[in-house]
Amino acid sequence: MTKIGVIVGSTREGRVSTQVAEWVKDFAEKRNTDAEFELVDIKEYGLDRFNEKLPPAMANKEYSNDKIQAWSEKIDSLDGFIFVTPEYNKNISSSLKDHIDYIASEWNNKSAGIVSYGSTLGIAASMSLRSTLANLKLAIVTPQGAFSLFTDFEEMSTFKPAEVHNATMEAVVTDVVNWAKALKTIR
C-alpha cells in the first residue's frame, strides 16, 4: 500500500498547523482508498537547529544521534508527503526547514503536495517550500491547498475551511497518491 505522510510544519506553542494537518488527513482518507495517510508531526521528533558536521547527502543514512535516525527512518518509510506549512515572514517555519535539511536521500524520488495557510494564504511560504523540495528530488504536484487565516479560521485559531477548497484538495490528494505510486517504480 502507498504510504503518504501529512507533515505538520510548525512546532511553536499555539500553532494551528496540527488542526489543518488533521483535517487534510481526514479529508484524504475519506476521498482516497488507494493509500494510507499518516500524520507526521515534526514537533514529536524534536530536532534542534540544523548543525551537523557532515552534509546529510554524505551521511549514507547514518546520523549522529537517535533523534535524527528516527526522523530518517520515518521519512524513508513513506512514499509521498503533503506538507502543511504556515507562513512566517513570507517563508516556511525554521523548524520545518531544519527537519527537511537534516536528511537527504530519504526524500528522493517521492511525491509532495503543499497545503499552506496565512494572512495571504501562505503563498510565499509555499513558493519557498517548492524550491527547497525540488532540490531534494521531490516531485511537487501542481494543485495546492491555500487557506486564509481570515476566512478559513474562526478568530484565526479554529480551522473551519470553506467547502470551495474541496475540489482543489481532492486534486492535491489524488496527484500526490498517483505520483507516489509511479515514483515507487524508480526507487
Protein backbone atom coordinates (compact mmCIF):
# COMPACT_ATOMS: atom_id res chain seq x y z
CA MET A 1 0.00 0.00 0.00
CA THR A 2 1.21 3.50 -0.82
CA LYS A 3 2.01 5.49 2.32
CA ILE A 4 1.57 9.27 2.44
CA GLY A 5 2.78 11.37 5.37
CA VAL A 6 0.89 14.55 6.21
CA ILE A 7 3.65 16.69 7.71
CA VAL A 8 2.79 19.22 10.41
CA GLY A 9 5.10 22.14 9.54
CA SER A 10 5.29 24.08 12.81
CA THR A 11 6.45 23.45 16.35
CA ARG A 12 5.52 26.68 18.09
CA GLU A 13 3.13 26.97 21.01
CA GLY A 14 -0.36 27.92 19.91
CA ARG A 15 0.15 26.54 16.41
CA VAL A 16 -2.87 25.80 14.26
CA SER A 17 -0.97 23.62 11.79
CA THR A 18 -1.99 20.48 13.69
CA GLN A 19 -5.67 21.29 13.08
CA VAL A 20 -5.05 21.84 9.39
CA ALA A 21 -2.96 18.66 9.06
CA GLU A 22 -5.58 16.56 10.86
CA TRP A 23 -8.26 17.97 8.54
CA VAL A 24 -6.08 17.17 5.49
CA LYS A 25 -5.51 13.60 6.72
CA ASP A 26 -9.23 13.05 7.40
CA PHE A 27 -10.16 14.59 4.05
CA ALA A 28 -7.64 12.38 2.23
CA GLU A 29 -8.79 9.19 3.96
CA LYS A 30 -12.42 9.85 3.01
CA ARG A 31 -11.62 10.56 -0.63
CA ASN A 32 -8.79 8.18 -1.48
CA THR A 33 -8.64 4.49 -0.59
CA ASP A 34 -5.53 3.82 -2.68
CA ALA A 35 -3.17 4.94 0.08
CA GLU A 36 -2.63 5.06 3.81
CA PHE A 37 -2.32 8.54 5.32
CA GLU A 38 -0.33 9.23 8.46
CA LEU A 39 0.15 12.39 10.49
CA VAL A 40 3.85 13.20 10.90
CA ASP A 41 4.35 15.92 13.50
CA ILE A 42 7.86 17.40 13.38
CA LYS A 43 7.44 18.52 16.99
CA GLU A 44 7.45 14.87 18.08
CA TYR A 45 10.93 14.37 16.61
CA GLY A 46 12.39 17.33 18.49
CA LEU A 47 15.32 18.04 16.20
CA ASP A 48 17.45 21.05 17.13
CA ARG A 49 18.68 23.71 14.73
CA PHE A 50 20.46 22.03 11.85
CA ASN A 51 24.15 22.00 12.74
CA GLU A 52 25.66 18.72 11.58
CA LYS A 53 29.34 18.42 10.66
CA LEU A 54 28.67 16.11 7.72
CA PRO A 55 26.27 17.12 4.93
CA PRO A 56 23.26 14.75 5.02
CA ALA A 57 23.84 13.70 1.41
CA MET A 58 27.18 12.26 2.54
CA ALA A 59 25.90 10.62 5.74
CA ASN A 60 24.67 7.46 3.99
CA LYS A 61 21.65 7.40 6.35
CA GLU A 62 23.95 7.02 9.36
CA TYR A 63 23.30 10.02 11.54
CA SER A 64 24.90 11.44 14.68
CA ASN A 65 22.05 10.75 17.11
CA ASP A 66 18.93 8.66 17.66
CA LYS A 67 16.51 11.55 17.05
CA ILE A 68 17.87 12.18 13.56
CA GLN A 69 17.94 8.43 12.89
CA ALA A 70 14.27 8.09 13.92
CA TRP A 71 13.34 11.02 11.63
CA SER A 72 15.30 9.44 8.78
CA GLU A 73 13.56 6.10 9.21
CA LYS A 74 10.09 7.69 9.32
CA ILE A 75 10.62 9.71 6.14
CA ASP A 76 12.28 6.75 4.41
CA SER A 77 9.21 4.59 5.17
CA LEU A 78 6.85 6.93 3.29
CA ASP A 79 6.17 7.17 -0.45
CA GLY A 80 4.91 10.74 -0.59
CA PHE A 81 4.02 13.74 1.51
CA ILE A 82 1.53 16.52 1.96
CA PHE A 83 3.32 19.37 3.71
CA VAL A 84 1.14 21.63 5.84
CA THR A 85 3.02 24.89 6.22
CA PRO A 86 2.22 28.14 7.94
CA GLU A 87 3.66 31.33 6.54
CA TYR A 88 6.08 33.09 8.89
CA ASN A 89 7.60 36.29 7.47
CA LYS A 90 6.83 35.21 3.89
CA ASN A 91 8.57 31.85 4.39
CA ILE A 92 8.19 28.41 5.96
CA SER A 93 8.93 27.92 9.65
CA SER A 94 12.57 27.50 10.59
CA SER A 95 11.68 24.23 12.34
CA LEU A 96 10.25 22.76 9.12
CA LYS A 97 13.33 23.84 7.16
CA ASP A 98 15.61 22.24 9.76
CA HIS A 99 13.69 18.96 9.63
CA ILE A 100 13.90 18.94 5.84
CA ASP A 101 17.64 19.71 5.91
CA TYR A 102 18.65 17.02 8.41
CA ILE A 103 18.24 14.25 5.83
CA ALA A 104 18.74 13.92 2.09
CA SER A 105 18.21 10.73 0.09
CA GLU A 106 15.17 9.79 2.16
CA TRP A 107 13.25 12.48 0.26
CA ASN A 108 14.42 11.50 -3.23
CA ASN A 109 12.02 10.34 -5.93
CA LYS A 110 8.87 10.79 -3.89
CA SER A 111 5.82 12.99 -4.44
CA ALA A 112 4.89 16.08 -2.47
CA GLY A 113 1.84 18.27 -2.17
CA ILE A 114 1.66 21.57 -0.34
CA VAL A 115 -1.07 22.99 1.84
CA SER A 116 -0.33 26.48 3.12
CA TYR A 117 -2.13 28.99 5.27
CA GLY A 118 -1.63 32.52 6.49
CA SER A 119 -2.87 36.06 6.16
CA THR A 120 -2.09 35.90 2.43
CA LEU A 121 -2.91 32.18 2.03
CA GLY A 122 0.69 31.19 2.75
CA ILE A 123 1.58 31.62 -0.92
CA ALA A 124 5.10 32.97 -0.32
CA ALA A 125 5.82 30.10 2.08
CA SER A 126 4.59 27.55 -0.46
CA MET A 127 6.80 29.03 -3.19
CA SER A 128 9.81 28.82 -0.89
CA LEU A 129 8.93 25.24 0.05
CA ARG A 130 8.57 24.24 -3.62
CA SER A 131 12.12 25.36 -4.31
CA THR A 132 13.51 23.56 -1.27
CA LEU A 133 11.70 20.30 -2.03
CA ALA A 134 12.62 20.30 -5.72
CA ASN A 135 16.29 20.50 -4.76
CA LEU A 136 15.83 17.22 -2.84
CA LYS A 137 14.37 15.47 -5.90
CA LEU A 138 10.80 15.52 -4.70
CA ALA A 139 8.15 15.78 -7.40
CA ILE A 140 5.83 18.59 -6.30
CA VAL A 141 2.29 18.36 -7.64
CA THR A 142 0.73 21.47 -9.16
CA PRO A 143 -2.56 21.74 -7.28
CA GLN A 144 -2.09 23.30 -3.88
CA GLY A 145 -4.26 23.96 -0.87
CA ALA A 146 -4.17 27.56 0.35
CA PHE A 147 -6.17 28.75 3.34
CA SER A 148 -6.76 32.21 4.76
CA LEU A 149 -6.43 32.97 8.44
CA PHE A 150 -9.29 35.46 7.96
CA THR A 151 -11.87 33.31 6.19
CA ASP A 152 -10.94 29.67 6.89
CA PHE A 153 -10.37 30.05 10.63
CA GLU A 154 -12.71 31.27 13.34
CA GLU A 155 -10.94 34.06 15.25
CA MET A 156 -7.74 33.00 13.47
CA SER A 157 -7.46 30.00 15.78
CA THR A 158 -10.04 27.32 14.89
CA PHE A 159 -9.78 25.78 11.43
CA LYS A 160 -13.12 25.82 9.57
CA PRO A 161 -12.31 25.61 5.85
CA ALA A 162 -14.86 26.68 3.29
CA GLU A 163 -16.25 23.97 1.00
CA VAL A 164 -14.86 25.82 -2.01
CA HIS A 165 -11.48 24.22 -1.18
CA ASN A 166 -12.71 20.63 -1.56
CA ALA A 167 -12.11 20.27 -5.31
CA THR A 168 -8.57 21.62 -5.04
CA MET A 169 -7.78 19.46 -2.05
CA GLU A 170 -9.11 16.39 -3.82
CA ALA A 171 -6.76 17.18 -6.72
CA VAL A 172 -3.81 17.56 -4.31
CA VAL A 173 -4.51 14.20 -2.68
CA THR A 174 -5.14 12.38 -5.96
CA ASP A 175 -1.99 13.72 -7.60
CA VAL A 176 0.23 13.02 -4.58
CA VAL A 177 -1.01 9.42 -4.40
CA ASN A 178 -0.76 8.81 -8.17
CA TRP A 179 2.72 10.30 -8.40
CA ALA A 180 3.84 8.38 -5.30
CA LYS A 181 2.77 5.13 -6.95
CA ALA A 182 4.55 5.99 -10.18
CA LEU A 183 7.74 7.11 -8.44
CA LYS A 184 7.92 3.86 -6.45
CA THR A 185 8.90 2.18 -9.70
CA ILE A 186 12.18 4.12 -9.89
CA ARG A 187 13.25 3.87 -6.25
